[in-house]
């Protein structure tokens, strides 16, 4: 049976990106889906998350989930990271989440933590 809309995917996405902003790597790792956790350990995640955060064009100080659409056991969250030196600094990202036996988790894309070309 499909999961009803509004079951926690938005909150999981928000918590994951807050962990990235606050550099709380263990908290971020705990919010990954089981497939992502099986693919990499917490140390590797921390390394990739630091590269992801360091690749932003500004220092992130906050975030918001602008939209989150749940479709059964899959959700797509649209996230905006906000930063210094001004509130006009913004970076848009999209997260895929999967619902499993332990709830909603962020499914890391293969290019998470791969340095961006500038």
PDB file of N, CA and C in Angstrom:
ATOM      1  N   UNK A   1       0.848  -1.194   0.000  1.00  0.00           N
ATOM      2  CA  UNK A   1       0.000   0.000   0.000  1.00  0.00           C
ATOM      3  C   UNK A   1       0.883   1.244   0.000  1.00  0.00           C
ATOM      4  N   UNK A   2       0.587   2.234  -0.840  1.00  0.00           N
ATOM      5  CA  UNK A   2       1.412   3.439  -0.897  1.00  0.00           C
ATOM      6  C   UNK A   2       1.381   4.209   0.419  1.00  0.00           C
ATOM      7  N   UNK A   3       2.492   4.863   0.710  1.00  0.00           N
ATOM      8  CA  UNK A   3       2.589   5.702   1.891  1.00  0.00           C
ATOM      9  C   UNK A   3       1.803   6.980   1.647  1.00  0.00           C
ATOM     10  N   UNK A   4       0.971   7.397   2.588  1.00  0.00           N
ATOM     11  CA  UNK A   4       0.220   8.641   2.388  1.00  0.00           C
ATOM     12  C   UNK A   4       1.129   9.860   2.353  1.00  0.00           C
ATOM     13  N   UNK A   5       0.650  10.925   1.733  1.00  0.00           N
ATOM     14  CA  UNK A   5       1.412  12.157   1.622  1.00  0.00           C
ATOM     15  C   UNK A   5       1.649  12.767   2.998  1.00  0.00           C
ATOM     16  N   UNK A   6       2.805  13.408   3.168  1.00  0.00           N
ATOM     17  CA  UNK A   6       3.098  14.110   4.401  1.00  0.00           C
ATOM     18  C   UNK A   6       3.474  13.211   5.560  1.00  0.00           C
ATOM     19  N   UNK A   7       4.296  12.212   5.314  1.00  0.00           N
ATOM     20  CA  UNK A   7       4.622  11.241   6.360  1.00  0.00           C
ATOM     21  C   UNK A   7       6.009  11.434   6.968  1.00  0.00           C
ATOM     22  N   UNK A   8       6.668  12.525   6.673  1.00  0.00           N
ATOM     23  CA  UNK A   8       7.959  12.789   7.295  1.00  0.00           C
ATOM     24  C   UNK A   8       9.127  12.981   6.349  1.00  0.00           C
ATOM     25  N   UNK A   9       8.917  12.869   5.061  1.00  0.00           N
ATOM     26  CA  UNK A   9      10.016  13.057   4.115  1.00  0.00           C
ATOM     27  C   UNK A   9      10.567  14.481   4.194  1.00  0.00           C
ATOM     28  N   UNK A  10       9.688  15.464   4.265  1.00  0.00           N
ATOM     29  CA  UNK A  10      10.114  16.866   4.351  1.00  0.00           C
ATOM     30  C   UNK A  10      10.996  17.068   5.588  1.00  0.00           C
ATOM     31  N   UNK A  11      10.579  16.503   6.712  1.00  0.00           N
ATOM     32  CA  UNK A  11      11.331  16.649   7.948  1.00  0.00           C
ATOM     33  C   UNK A  11      12.690  15.962   7.860  1.00  0.00           C
ATOM     34  N   UNK A  12      12.746  14.806   7.209  1.00  0.00           N
ATOM     35  CA  UNK A  12      14.021  14.092   7.037  1.00  0.00           C
ATOM     36  C   UNK A  12      14.969  14.903   6.160  1.00  0.00           C
ATOM     37  N   UNK A  13      14.450  15.479   5.080  1.00  0.00           N
ATOM     38  CA  UNK A  13      15.283  16.315   4.203  1.00  0.00           C
ATOM     39  C   UNK A  13      15.793  17.532   4.961  1.00  0.00           C
ATOM     40  N   UNK A  14      14.908  18.177   5.717  1.00  0.00           N
ATOM     41  CA  UNK A  14      15.298  19.354   6.496  1.00  0.00           C
ATOM     42  C   UNK A  14      16.405  18.988   7.491  1.00  0.00           C
ATOM     43  N   UNK A  15      16.221  17.911   8.217  1.00  0.00           N
ATOM     44  CA  UNK A  15      17.216  17.497   9.219  1.00  0.00           C
ATOM     45  C   UNK A  15      18.552  17.155   8.561  1.00  0.00           C
ATOM     46  N   UNK A  16      18.516  16.502   7.395  1.00  0.00           N
ATOM     47  CA  UNK A  16      19.752  16.151   6.693  1.00  0.00           C
ATOM     48  C   UNK A  16      20.526  17.406   6.298  1.00  0.00           C
ATOM     49  N   UNK A  17      19.847  18.352   5.669  1.00  0.00           N
ATOM     50  CA  UNK A  17      20.544  19.559   5.221  1.00  0.00           C
ATOM     51  C   UNK A  17      20.953  20.452   6.384  1.00  0.00           C
ATOM     52  N   UNK A  18      20.210  20.443   7.477  1.00  0.00           N
ATOM     53  CA  UNK A  18      20.651  21.172   8.667  1.00  0.00           C
ATOM     54  C   UNK A  18      21.946  20.563   9.190  1.00  0.00           C
ATOM     55  N   UNK A  19      22.040  19.241   9.151  1.00  0.00           N
ATOM     56  CA  UNK A  19      23.278  18.580   9.577  1.00  0.00           C
ATOM     57  C   UNK A  19      24.448  18.997   8.688  1.00  0.00           C
ATOM     58  N   UNK A  20      24.205  19.153   7.397  1.00  0.00           N
ATOM     59  CA  UNK A  20      25.255  19.608   6.485  1.00  0.00           C
ATOM     60  C   UNK A  20      25.660  21.046   6.836  1.00  0.00           C
ATOM     61  N   UNK A  21      24.687  21.922   7.023  1.00  0.00           N
ATOM     62  CA  UNK A  21      24.973  23.317   7.364  1.00  0.00           C
ATOM     63  C   UNK A  21      25.758  23.395   8.665  1.00  0.00           C
ATOM     64  N   UNK A  22      25.357  22.624   9.673  1.00  0.00           N
ATOM     65  CA  UNK A  22      25.981  22.686  10.995  1.00  0.00           C
ATOM     66  C   UNK A  22      27.202  21.776  11.115  1.00  0.00           C
ATOM     67  N   UNK A  23      27.547  21.083  10.029  1.00  0.00           N
ATOM     68  CA  UNK A  23      28.703  20.179   9.988  1.00  0.00           C
ATOM     69  C   UNK A  23      28.590  19.065  11.035  1.00  0.00           C
ATOM     70  N   UNK A  24      27.397  18.544  11.198  1.00  0.00           N
ATOM     71  CA  UNK A  24      27.138  17.433  12.109  1.00  0.00           C
ATOM     72  C   UNK A  24      27.073  16.152  11.287  1.00  0.00           C
ATOM     73  N   UNK A  25      28.258  15.649  10.948  1.00  0.00           N
ATOM     74  CA  UNK A  25      28.357  14.553   9.979  1.00  0.00           C
ATOM     75  C   UNK A  25      27.692  13.271  10.468  1.00  0.00           C
ATOM     76  N   UNK A  26      27.809  12.942  11.748  1.00  0.00           N
ATOM     77  CA  UNK A  26      27.167  11.725  12.256  1.00  0.00           C
ATOM     78  C   UNK A  26      25.646  11.819  12.150  1.00  0.00           C
ATOM     79  N   UNK A  27      25.109  12.991  12.440  1.00  0.00           N
ATOM     80  CA  UNK A  27      23.661  13.193  12.329  1.00  0.00           C
ATOM     81  C   UNK A  27      23.220  13.064  10.868  1.00  0.00           C
ATOM     82  N   UNK A  28      24.003  13.622   9.957  1.00  0.00           N
ATOM     83  CA  UNK A  28      23.689  13.509   8.534  1.00  0.00           C
ATOM     84  C   UNK A  28      23.728  12.070   8.061  1.00  0.00           C
ATOM     85  N   UNK A  29      24.747  11.348   8.496  1.00  0.00           N
ATOM     86  CA  UNK A  29      24.881   9.940   8.110  1.00  0.00           C
ATOM     87  C   UNK A  29      23.687   9.129   8.602  1.00  0.00           C
ATOM     88  N   UNK A  30      23.228   9.404   9.803  1.00  0.00           N
ATOM     89  CA  UNK A  30      22.084   8.674  10.370  1.00  0.00           C
ATOM     90  C   UNK A  30      20.802   8.910   9.573  1.00  0.00           C
ATOM     91  N   UNK A  31      20.758   9.985   8.792  1.00  0.00           N
ATOM     92  CA  UNK A  31      19.568  10.314   8.008  1.00  0.00           C
ATOM     93  C   UNK A  31      19.614   9.777   6.579  1.00  0.00           C
ATOM     94  N   UNK A  32      20.644   9.000   6.259  1.00  0.00           N
ATOM     95  CA  UNK A  32      20.719   8.377   4.936  1.00  0.00           C
ATOM     96  C   UNK A  32      19.821   7.147   4.881  1.00  0.00           C
ATOM     97  N   UNK A  33      19.394   6.797   3.674  1.00  0.00           N
ATOM     98  CA  UNK A  33      18.637   5.565   3.511  1.00  0.00           C
ATOM     99  C   UNK A  33      19.586   4.370   3.648  1.00  0.00           C
ATOM    100  N   UNK A  34      19.024   3.197   3.814  1.00  0.00           N
ATOM    101  CA  UNK A  34      19.846   2.007   4.070  1.00  0.00           C
ATOM    102  C   UNK A  34      20.792   1.695   2.912  1.00  0.00           C
ATOM    103  N   UNK A  35      20.382   1.937   1.680  1.00  0.00           N
ATOM    104  CA  UNK A  35      21.252   1.662   0.529  1.00  0.00           C
ATOM    105  C   UNK A  35      22.476   2.580   0.539  1.00  0.00           C
ATOM    106  N   UNK A  36      22.283   3.843   0.881  1.00  0.00           N
ATOM    107  CA  UNK A  36      23.413   4.778   0.937  1.00  0.00           C
ATOM    108  C   UNK A  36      24.352   4.424   2.077  1.00  0.00           C
ATOM    109  N   UNK A  37      23.802   4.038   3.228  1.00  0.00           N
ATOM    110  CA  UNK A  37      24.650   3.638   4.357  1.00  0.00           C
ATOM    111  C   UNK A  37      25.413   2.358   4.032  1.00  0.00           C
ATOM    112  N   UNK A  38      24.812   1.468   3.245  1.00  0.00           N
ATOM    113  CA  UNK A  38      25.509   0.228   2.859  1.00  0.00           C
ATOM    114  C   UNK A  38      26.644   0.516   1.886  1.00  0.00           C
ATOM    115  N   UNK A  39      26.489   1.582   1.095  1.00  0.00           N
ATOM    116  CA  UNK A  39      27.481   1.929   0.078  1.00  0.00           C
ATOM    117  C   UNK A  39      28.712   2.606   0.676  1.00  0.00           C
ATOM    118  N   UNK A  40      28.546   3.329   1.786  1.00  0.00           N
ATOM    119  CA  UNK A  40      29.678   4.003   2.384  1.00  0.00           C
ATOM    120  C   UNK A  40      29.531   4.081   3.894  1.00  0.00           C
ATOM    121  N   UNK A  41      30.669   4.085   4.570  1.00  0.00           N
ATOM    122  CA  UNK A  41      30.629   4.173   6.027  1.00  0.00           C
ATOM    123  C   UNK A  41      30.586   5.640   6.458  1.00  0.00           C
ATOM    124  N   UNK A  42      30.449   5.868   7.756  1.00  0.00           N
ATOM    125  CA  UNK A  42      30.274   7.234   8.257  1.00  0.00           C
ATOM    126  C   UNK A  42      31.496   8.116   7.989  1.00  0.00           C
ATOM    127  N   UNK A  43      32.685   7.529   8.007  1.00  0.00           N
ATOM    128  CA  UNK A  43      33.892   8.295   7.741  1.00  0.00           C
ATOM    129  C   UNK A  43      33.923   8.781   6.292  1.00  0.00           C
ATOM    130  N   UNK A  44      33.586   7.907   5.372  1.00  0.00           N
ATOM    131  CA  UNK A  44      33.549   8.281   3.944  1.00  0.00           C
ATOM    132  C   UNK A  44      32.463   9.329   3.703  1.00  0.00           C
ATOM    133  N   UNK A  45      31.298   9.159   4.356  1.00  0.00           N
ATOM    134  CA  UNK A  45      30.231  10.152   4.224  1.00  0.00           C
ATOM    135  C   UNK A  45      30.725  11.519   4.695  1.00  0.00           C
ATOM    136  N   UNK A  46      31.399  11.554   5.856  1.00  0.00           N
ATOM    137  CA  UNK A  46      31.890  12.828   6.388  1.00  0.00           C
ATOM    138  C   UNK A  46      32.831  13.501   5.396  1.00  0.00           C
ATOM    139  N   UNK A  47      33.705  12.723   4.778  1.00  0.00           N
ATOM    140  CA  UNK A  47      34.628  13.262   3.774  1.00  0.00           C
ATOM    141  C   UNK A  47      33.856  13.856   2.601  1.00  0.00           C
ATOM    142  N   UNK A  48      32.889  13.115   2.090  1.00  0.00           N
ATOM    143  CA  UNK A  48      32.091  13.591   0.953  1.00  0.00           C
ATOM    144  C   UNK A  48      31.248  14.807   1.329  1.00  0.00           C
ATOM    145  N   UNK A  49      30.700  14.807   2.527  1.00  0.00           N
ATOM    146  CA  UNK A  49      29.863  15.926   2.970  1.00  0.00           C
ATOM    147  C   UNK A  49      30.693  17.198   3.107  1.00  0.00           C
ATOM    148  N   UNK A  50      31.937  17.070   3.578  1.00  0.00           N
ATOM    149  CA  UNK A  50      32.821  18.233   3.679  1.00  0.00           C
ATOM    150  C   UNK A  50      33.132  18.798   2.297  1.00  0.00           C
ATOM    151  N   UNK A  51      33.349  17.910   1.325  1.00  0.00           N
ATOM    152  CA  UNK A  51      33.613  18.366  -0.048  1.00  0.00           C
ATOM    153  C   UNK A  51      32.360  19.048  -0.606  1.00  0.00           C
ATOM    154  N   UNK A  52      31.182  18.446  -0.381  1.00  0.00           N
ATOM    155  CA  UNK A  52      29.921  19.040  -0.844  1.00  0.00           C
ATOM    156  C   UNK A  52      29.763  20.445  -0.266  1.00  0.00           C
ATOM    157  N   UNK A  53      29.913  20.562   1.052  1.00  0.00           N
ATOM    158  CA  UNK A  53      29.728  21.849   1.725  1.00  0.00           C
ATOM    159  C   UNK A  53      30.780  22.849   1.279  1.00  0.00           C
ATOM    160  N   UNK A  54      32.030  22.387   1.158  1.00  0.00           N
ATOM    161  CA  UNK A  54      33.110  23.264   0.720  1.00  0.00           C
ATOM    162  C   UNK A  54      32.970  23.723  -0.722  1.00  0.00           C
ATOM    163  N   UNK A  55      32.210  22.988  -1.515  1.00  0.00           N
ATOM    164  CA  UNK A  55      31.992  23.359  -2.908  1.00  0.00           C
ATOM    165  C   UNK A  55      30.903  24.384  -3.115  1.00  0.00           C
ATOM    166  N   UNK A  56      30.203  24.744  -2.030  1.00  0.00           N
ATOM    167  CA  UNK A  56      29.173  25.780  -2.149  1.00  0.00           C
ATOM    168  C   UNK A  56      29.860  27.120  -2.379  1.00  0.00           C
ATOM    169  N   UNK A  57      29.229  28.018  -3.112  1.00  0.00           N
ATOM    170  CA  UNK A  57      29.878  29.303  -3.415  1.00  0.00           C
ATOM    171  C   UNK A  57      29.839  30.303  -2.254  1.00  0.00           C
ATOM    172  N   UNK A  58      29.426  29.856  -1.061  1.00  0.00           N
ATOM    173  CA  UNK A  58      29.331  30.718   0.110  1.00  0.00           C
ATOM    174  C   UNK A  58      29.299  29.839   1.355  1.00  0.00           C
ATOM    175  N   UNK A  59      29.383  30.452   2.515  1.00  0.00           N
ATOM    176  CA  UNK A  59      29.290  29.747   3.794  1.00  0.00           C
ATOM    177  C   UNK A  59      27.806  29.595   4.149  1.00  0.00           C
ATOM    178  N   UNK A  60      27.280  28.362   4.150  1.00  0.00           N
ATOM    179  CA  UNK A  60      25.859  28.203   4.458  1.00  0.00           C
ATOM    180  C   UNK A  60      25.570  28.453   5.939  1.00  0.00           C
ATOM    181  N   UNK A  61      24.490  29.175   6.193  1.00  0.00           N
ATOM    182  CA  UNK A  61      24.089  29.471   7.571  1.00  0.00           C
ATOM    183  C   UNK A  61      22.676  28.989   7.871  1.00  0.00           C
ATOM    184  N   UNK A  62      21.949  28.594   6.853  1.00  0.00           N
ATOM    185  CA  UNK A  62      20.584  28.129   7.044  1.00  0.00           C
ATOM    186  C   UNK A  62      20.094  27.418   5.810  1.00  0.00           C
ATOM    187  N   UNK A  63      18.879  26.913   5.912  1.00  0.00           N
ATOM    188  CA  UNK A  63      18.289  26.213   4.770  1.00  0.00           C
ATOM    189  C   UNK A  63      16.780  26.183   4.915  1.00  0.00           C
ATOM    190  N   UNK A  64      16.125  25.847   3.820  1.00  0.00           N
ATOM    191  CA  UNK A  64      14.682  25.631   3.849  1.00  0.00           C
ATOM    192  C   UNK A  64      14.326  24.601   2.799  1.00  0.00           C
ATOM    193  N   UNK A  65      13.282  23.860   3.076  1.00  0.00           N
ATOM    194  CA  UNK A  65      12.747  22.924   2.098  1.00  0.00           C
ATOM    195  C   UNK A  65      11.602  23.653   1.419  1.00  0.00           C
ATOM    196  N   UNK A  66      11.791  24.000   0.148  1.00  0.00           N
ATOM    197  CA  UNK A  66      10.772  24.787  -0.549  1.00  0.00           C
ATOM    198  C   UNK A  66       9.610  23.927  -1.021  1.00  0.00           C
ATOM    199  N   UNK A  67       9.854  22.639  -1.259  1.00  0.00           N
ATOM    200  CA  UNK A  67       8.785  21.722  -1.670  1.00  0.00           C
ATOM    201  C   UNK A  67       9.246  20.296  -1.424  1.00  0.00           C
ATOM    202  N   UNK A  68       8.291  19.429  -1.153  1.00  0.00           N
ATOM    203  CA  UNK A  68       8.602  18.012  -0.992  1.00  0.00           C
ATOM    204  C   UNK A  68       7.391  17.216  -1.444  1.00  0.00           C
ATOM    205  N   UNK A  69       7.592  16.418  -2.466  1.00  0.00           N
ATOM    206  CA  UNK A  69       6.500  15.626  -3.021  1.00  0.00           C
ATOM    207  C   UNK A  69       6.766  14.153  -2.763  1.00  0.00           C
ATOM    208  N   UNK A  70       5.852  13.531  -2.038  1.00  0.00           N
ATOM    209  CA  UNK A  70       5.953  12.107  -1.740  1.00  0.00           C
ATOM    210  C   UNK A  70       5.113  11.315  -2.728  1.00  0.00           C
ATOM    211  N   UNK A  71       5.708  10.240  -3.237  1.00  0.00           N
ATOM    212  CA  UNK A  71       5.012   9.334  -4.155  1.00  0.00           C
ATOM    213  C   UNK A  71       5.303   7.919  -3.695  1.00  0.00           C
ATOM    214  N   UNK A  72       4.447   7.387  -2.847  1.00  0.00           N
ATOM    215  CA  UNK A  72       4.679   6.056  -2.314  1.00  0.00           C
ATOM    216  C   UNK A  72       5.889   6.047  -1.409  1.00  0.00           C
ATOM    217  N   UNK A  73       6.865   5.178  -1.721  1.00  0.00           N
ATOM    218  CA  UNK A  73       8.061   5.072  -0.880  1.00  0.00           C
ATOM    219  C   UNK A  73       9.210   5.925  -1.386  1.00  0.00           C
ATOM    220  N   UNK A  74       8.907   6.887  -2.263  1.00  0.00           N
ATOM    221  CA  UNK A  74       9.918   7.787  -2.822  1.00  0.00           C
ATOM    222  C   UNK A  74       9.434   9.223  -2.655  1.00  0.00           C
ATOM    223  N   UNK A  75      10.369  10.116  -2.385  1.00  0.00           N
ATOM    224  CA  UNK A  75      10.029  11.533  -2.277  1.00  0.00           C
ATOM    225  C   UNK A  75      11.132  12.356  -2.918  1.00  0.00           C
ATOM    226  N   UNK A  76      10.744  13.528  -3.400  1.00  0.00           N
ATOM    227  CA  UNK A  76      11.697  14.482  -3.968  1.00  0.00           C
ATOM    228  C   UNK A  76      11.547  15.783  -3.189  1.00  0.00           C
ATOM    229  N   UNK A  77      12.644  16.212  -2.575  1.00  0.00           N
ATOM    230  CA  UNK A  77      12.643  17.454  -1.803  1.00  0.00           C
ATOM    231  C   UNK A  77      13.485  18.497  -2.523  1.00  0.00           C
ATOM    232  N   UNK A  78      12.949  19.691  -2.623  1.00  0.00           N
ATOM    233  CA  UNK A  78      13.673  20.822  -3.203  1.00  0.00           C
ATOM    234  C   UNK A  78      14.133  21.692  -2.038  1.00  0.00           C
ATOM    235  N   UNK A  79      15.445  21.866  -1.956  1.00  0.00           N
ATOM    236  CA  UNK A  79      16.066  22.513  -0.809  1.00  0.00           C
ATOM    237  C   UNK A  79      16.812  23.761  -1.271  1.00  0.00           C
ATOM    238  N   UNK A  80      16.771  24.784  -0.435  1.00  0.00           N
ATOM    239  CA  UNK A  80      17.530  26.004  -0.693  1.00  0.00           C
ATOM    240  C   UNK A  80      18.448  26.227   0.500  1.00  0.00           C
ATOM    241  N   UNK A  81      19.750  26.242   0.232  1.00  0.00           N
ATOM    242  CA  UNK A  81      20.742  26.581   1.255  1.00  0.00           C
ATOM    243  C   UNK A  81      20.970  28.082   1.192  1.00  0.00           C
ATOM    244  N   UNK A  82      21.028  28.716   2.341  1.00  0.00           N
ATOM    245  CA  UNK A  82      21.143  30.173   2.439  1.00  0.00           C
ATOM    246  C   UNK A  82      22.432  30.489   3.191  1.00  0.00           C
ATOM    247  N   UNK A  83      23.137  31.550   2.751  1.00  0.00           N
ATOM    248  CA  UNK A  83      24.412  31.790   3.397  1.00  0.00           C
ATOM    249  C   UNK A  83      24.871  33.208   3.520  1.00  0.00           C
ATOM    250  N   UNK A  84      26.079  33.311   4.075  1.00  0.00           N
ATOM    251  CA  UNK A  84      26.744  34.587   4.271  1.00  0.00           C
ATOM    252  C   UNK A  84      27.540  34.916   3.023  1.00  0.00           C
ATOM    253  N   UNK A  85      27.878  36.117   2.776  1.00  0.00           N
ATOM    254  CA  UNK A  85      27.763  37.264   3.646  1.00  0.00           C
ATOM    255  C   UNK A  85      26.393  37.924   3.644  1.00  0.00           C
ATOM    256  N   UNK A  86      25.526  37.577   2.727  1.00  0.00           N
ATOM    257  CA  UNK A  86      24.198  38.198   2.742  1.00  0.00           C
ATOM    258  C   UNK A  86      23.134  37.123   2.596  1.00  0.00           C
ATOM    259  N   UNK A  87      21.944  37.466   2.995  1.00  0.00           N
ATOM    260  CA  UNK A  87      20.830  36.516   2.891  1.00  0.00           C
ATOM    261  C   UNK A  87      20.478  36.241   1.435  1.00  0.00           C
ATOM    262  N   UNK A  88      21.079  37.001   0.520  1.00  0.00           N
ATOM    263  CA  UNK A  88      20.801  36.792  -0.905  1.00  0.00           C
ATOM    264  C   UNK A  88      21.620  35.647  -1.490  1.00  0.00           C
ATOM    265  N   UNK A  89      22.550  35.104  -0.716  1.00  0.00           N
ATOM    266  CA  UNK A  89      23.334  33.963  -1.158  1.00  0.00           C
ATOM    267  C   UNK A  89      22.458  32.719  -1.054  1.00  0.00           C
ATOM    268  N   UNK A  90      22.189  32.064  -2.180  1.00  0.00           N
ATOM    269  CA  UNK A  90      21.323  30.887  -2.189  1.00  0.00           C
ATOM    270  C   UNK A  90      21.871  29.828  -3.132  1.00  0.00           C
ATOM    271  N   UNK A  91      21.657  28.579  -2.740  1.00  0.00           N
ATOM    272  CA  UNK A  91      22.038  27.448  -3.572  1.00  0.00           C
ATOM    273  C   UNK A  91      20.886  26.448  -3.534  1.00  0.00           C
ATOM    274  N   UNK A  92      20.380  26.088  -4.699  1.00  0.00           N
ATOM    275  CA  UNK A  92      19.262  25.151  -4.777  1.00  0.00           C
ATOM    276  C   UNK A  92      19.780  23.738  -5.011  1.00  0.00           C
ATOM    277  N   UNK A  93      19.193  22.788  -4.301  1.00  0.00           N
ATOM    278  CA  UNK A  93      19.552  21.387  -4.449  1.00  0.00           C
ATOM    279  C   UNK A  93      18.274  20.558  -4.423  1.00  0.00           C
ATOM    280  N   UNK A  94      18.380  19.348  -4.892  1.00  0.00           N
ATOM    281  CA  UNK A  94      17.266  18.409  -4.889  1.00  0.00           C
ATOM    282  C   UNK A  94      17.735  17.127  -4.231  1.00  0.00           C
ATOM    283  N   UNK A  95      16.910  16.620  -3.327  1.00  0.00           N
ATOM    284  CA  UNK A  95      17.232  15.365  -2.640  1.00  0.00           C
ATOM    285  C   UNK A  95      16.169  14.325  -2.955  1.00  0.00           C
ATOM    286  N   UNK A  96      16.614  13.107  -3.212  1.00  0.00           N
ATOM    287  CA  UNK A  96      15.724  11.970  -3.356  1.00  0.00           C
ATOM    288  C   UNK A  96      15.714  11.248  -2.018  1.00  0.00           C
ATOM    289  N   UNK A  97      14.550  10.931  -1.527  1.00  0.00           N
ATOM    290  CA  UNK A  97      14.419  10.197  -0.275  1.00  0.00           C
ATOM    291  C   UNK A  97      13.685   8.896  -0.535  1.00  0.00           C
ATOM    292  N   UNK A  98      14.009   7.896   0.238  1.00  0.00           N
ATOM    293  CA  UNK A  98      13.363   6.584   0.156  1.00  0.00           C
ATOM    294  C   UNK A  98      12.802   6.239   1.524  1.00  0.00           C
ATOM    295  N   UNK A  99      11.647   5.618   1.519  1.00  0.00           N
ATOM    296  CA  UNK A  99      11.038   5.173   2.772  1.00  0.00           C
ATOM    297  C   UNK A  99      11.306   3.693   2.951  1.00  0.00           C
ATOM    298  N   UNK A 100      11.923   3.351   4.067  1.00  0.00           N
ATOM    299  CA  UNK A 100      12.233   1.957   4.362  1.00  0.00           C
ATOM    300  C   UNK A 100      11.721   1.585   5.738  1.00  0.00           C
ATOM    301  N   UNK A 101      12.159   0.469   6.233  1.00  0.00           N
ATOM    302  CA  UNK A 101      11.694  -0.026   7.526  1.00  0.00           C
ATOM    303  C   UNK A 101      12.063   0.916   8.673  1.00  0.00           C
ATOM    304  N   UNK A 102      13.111   1.721   8.480  1.00  0.00           N
ATOM    305  CA  UNK A 102      13.520   2.667   9.516  1.00  0.00           C
ATOM    306  C   UNK A 102      13.076   4.096   9.213  1.00  0.00           C
ATOM    307  N   UNK A 103      12.095   4.263   8.338  1.00  0.00           N
ATOM    308  CA  UNK A 103      11.547   5.583   8.008  1.00  0.00           C
ATOM    309  C   UNK A 103      12.184   6.170   6.761  1.00  0.00           C
ATOM    310  N   UNK A 104      12.037   7.475   6.617  1.00  0.00           N
ATOM    311  CA  UNK A 104      12.561   8.182   5.452  1.00  0.00           C
ATOM    312  C   UNK A 104      14.062   8.397   5.592  1.00  0.00           C
ATOM    313  N   UNK A 105      14.783   8.226   4.490  1.00  0.00           N
ATOM    314  CA  UNK A 105      16.208   8.478   4.455  1.00  0.00           C
ATOM    315  C   UNK A 105      16.611   9.083   3.132  1.00  0.00           C
ATOM    316  N   UNK A 106      17.618   9.929   3.167  1.00  0.00           N
ATOM    317  CA  UNK A 106      18.138  10.565   1.961  1.00  0.00           C
ATOM    318  C   UNK A 106      18.943   9.538   1.169  1.00  0.00           C
ATOM    319  N   UNK A 107      18.651   9.445  -0.105  1.00  0.00           N
ATOM    320  CA  UNK A 107      19.374   8.562  -1.018  1.00  0.00           C
ATOM    321  C   UNK A 107      20.434   9.403  -1.727  1.00  0.00           C
ATOM    322  N   UNK A 108      21.690   9.209  -1.344  1.00  0.00           N
ATOM    323  CA  UNK A 108      22.755  10.027  -1.927  1.00  0.00           C
ATOM    324  C   UNK A 108      22.925   9.746  -3.409  1.00  0.00           C
ATOM    325  N   UNK A 109      23.066  10.796  -4.173  1.00  0.00           N
ATOM    326  CA  UNK A 109      23.338  10.634  -5.596  1.00  0.00           C
ATOM    327  C   UNK A 109      24.796  10.219  -5.767  1.00  0.00           C
ATOM    328  N   UNK A 110      25.114   9.568  -6.885  1.00  0.00           N
ATOM    329  CA  UNK A 110      26.504   9.154  -7.124  1.00  0.00           C
ATOM    330  C   UNK A 110      27.489  10.320  -7.164  1.00  0.00           C
ATOM    331  N   UNK A 111      26.997  11.534  -7.448  1.00  0.00           N
ATOM    332  CA  UNK A 111      27.920  12.683  -7.533  1.00  0.00           C
ATOM    333  C   UNK A 111      27.946  13.531  -6.256  1.00  0.00           C
ATOM    334  N   UNK A 112      27.341  13.032  -5.167  1.00  0.00           N
ATOM    335  CA  UNK A 112      27.422  13.748  -3.898  1.00  0.00           C
ATOM    336  C   UNK A 112      28.881  13.816  -3.452  1.00  0.00           C
ATOM    337  N   UNK A 113      29.345  15.015  -3.169  1.00  0.00           N
ATOM    338  CA  UNK A 113      30.716  15.184  -2.718  1.00  0.00           C
ATOM    339  C   UNK A 113      31.753  15.214  -3.823  1.00  0.00           C
ATOM    340  N   UNK A 114      31.319  15.161  -5.079  1.00  0.00           N
ATOM    341  CA  UNK A 114      32.247  15.300  -6.201  1.00  0.00           C
ATOM    342  C   UNK A 114      32.398  16.791  -6.459  1.00  0.00           C
ATOM    343  N   UNK A 115      33.627  17.291  -6.459  1.00  0.00           N
ATOM    344  CA  UNK A 115      33.815  18.735  -6.662  1.00  0.00           C
ATOM    345  C   UNK A 115      33.137  19.231  -7.936  1.00  0.00           C
ATOM    346  N   UNK A 116      32.486  20.382  -7.814  1.00  0.00           N
ATOM    347  CA  UNK A 116      31.820  21.005  -8.958  1.00  0.00           C
ATOM    348  C   UNK A 116      32.846  21.761  -9.791  1.00  0.00           C
ATOM    349  N   UNK A 117      32.601  21.784 -11.076  1.00  0.00           N
ATOM    350  CA  UNK A 117      33.436  22.618 -11.961  1.00  0.00           C
ATOM    351  C   UNK A 117      32.928  24.033 -11.880  1.00  0.00           C
ATOM    352  N   UNK A 118      33.838  24.936 -11.788  1.00  0.00           N
ATOM    353  CA  UNK A 118      33.435  26.360 -11.675  1.00  0.00           C
ATOM    354  C   UNK A 118      33.649  27.066 -12.962  1.00  0.00           C
TER     355      UNK A 118
END
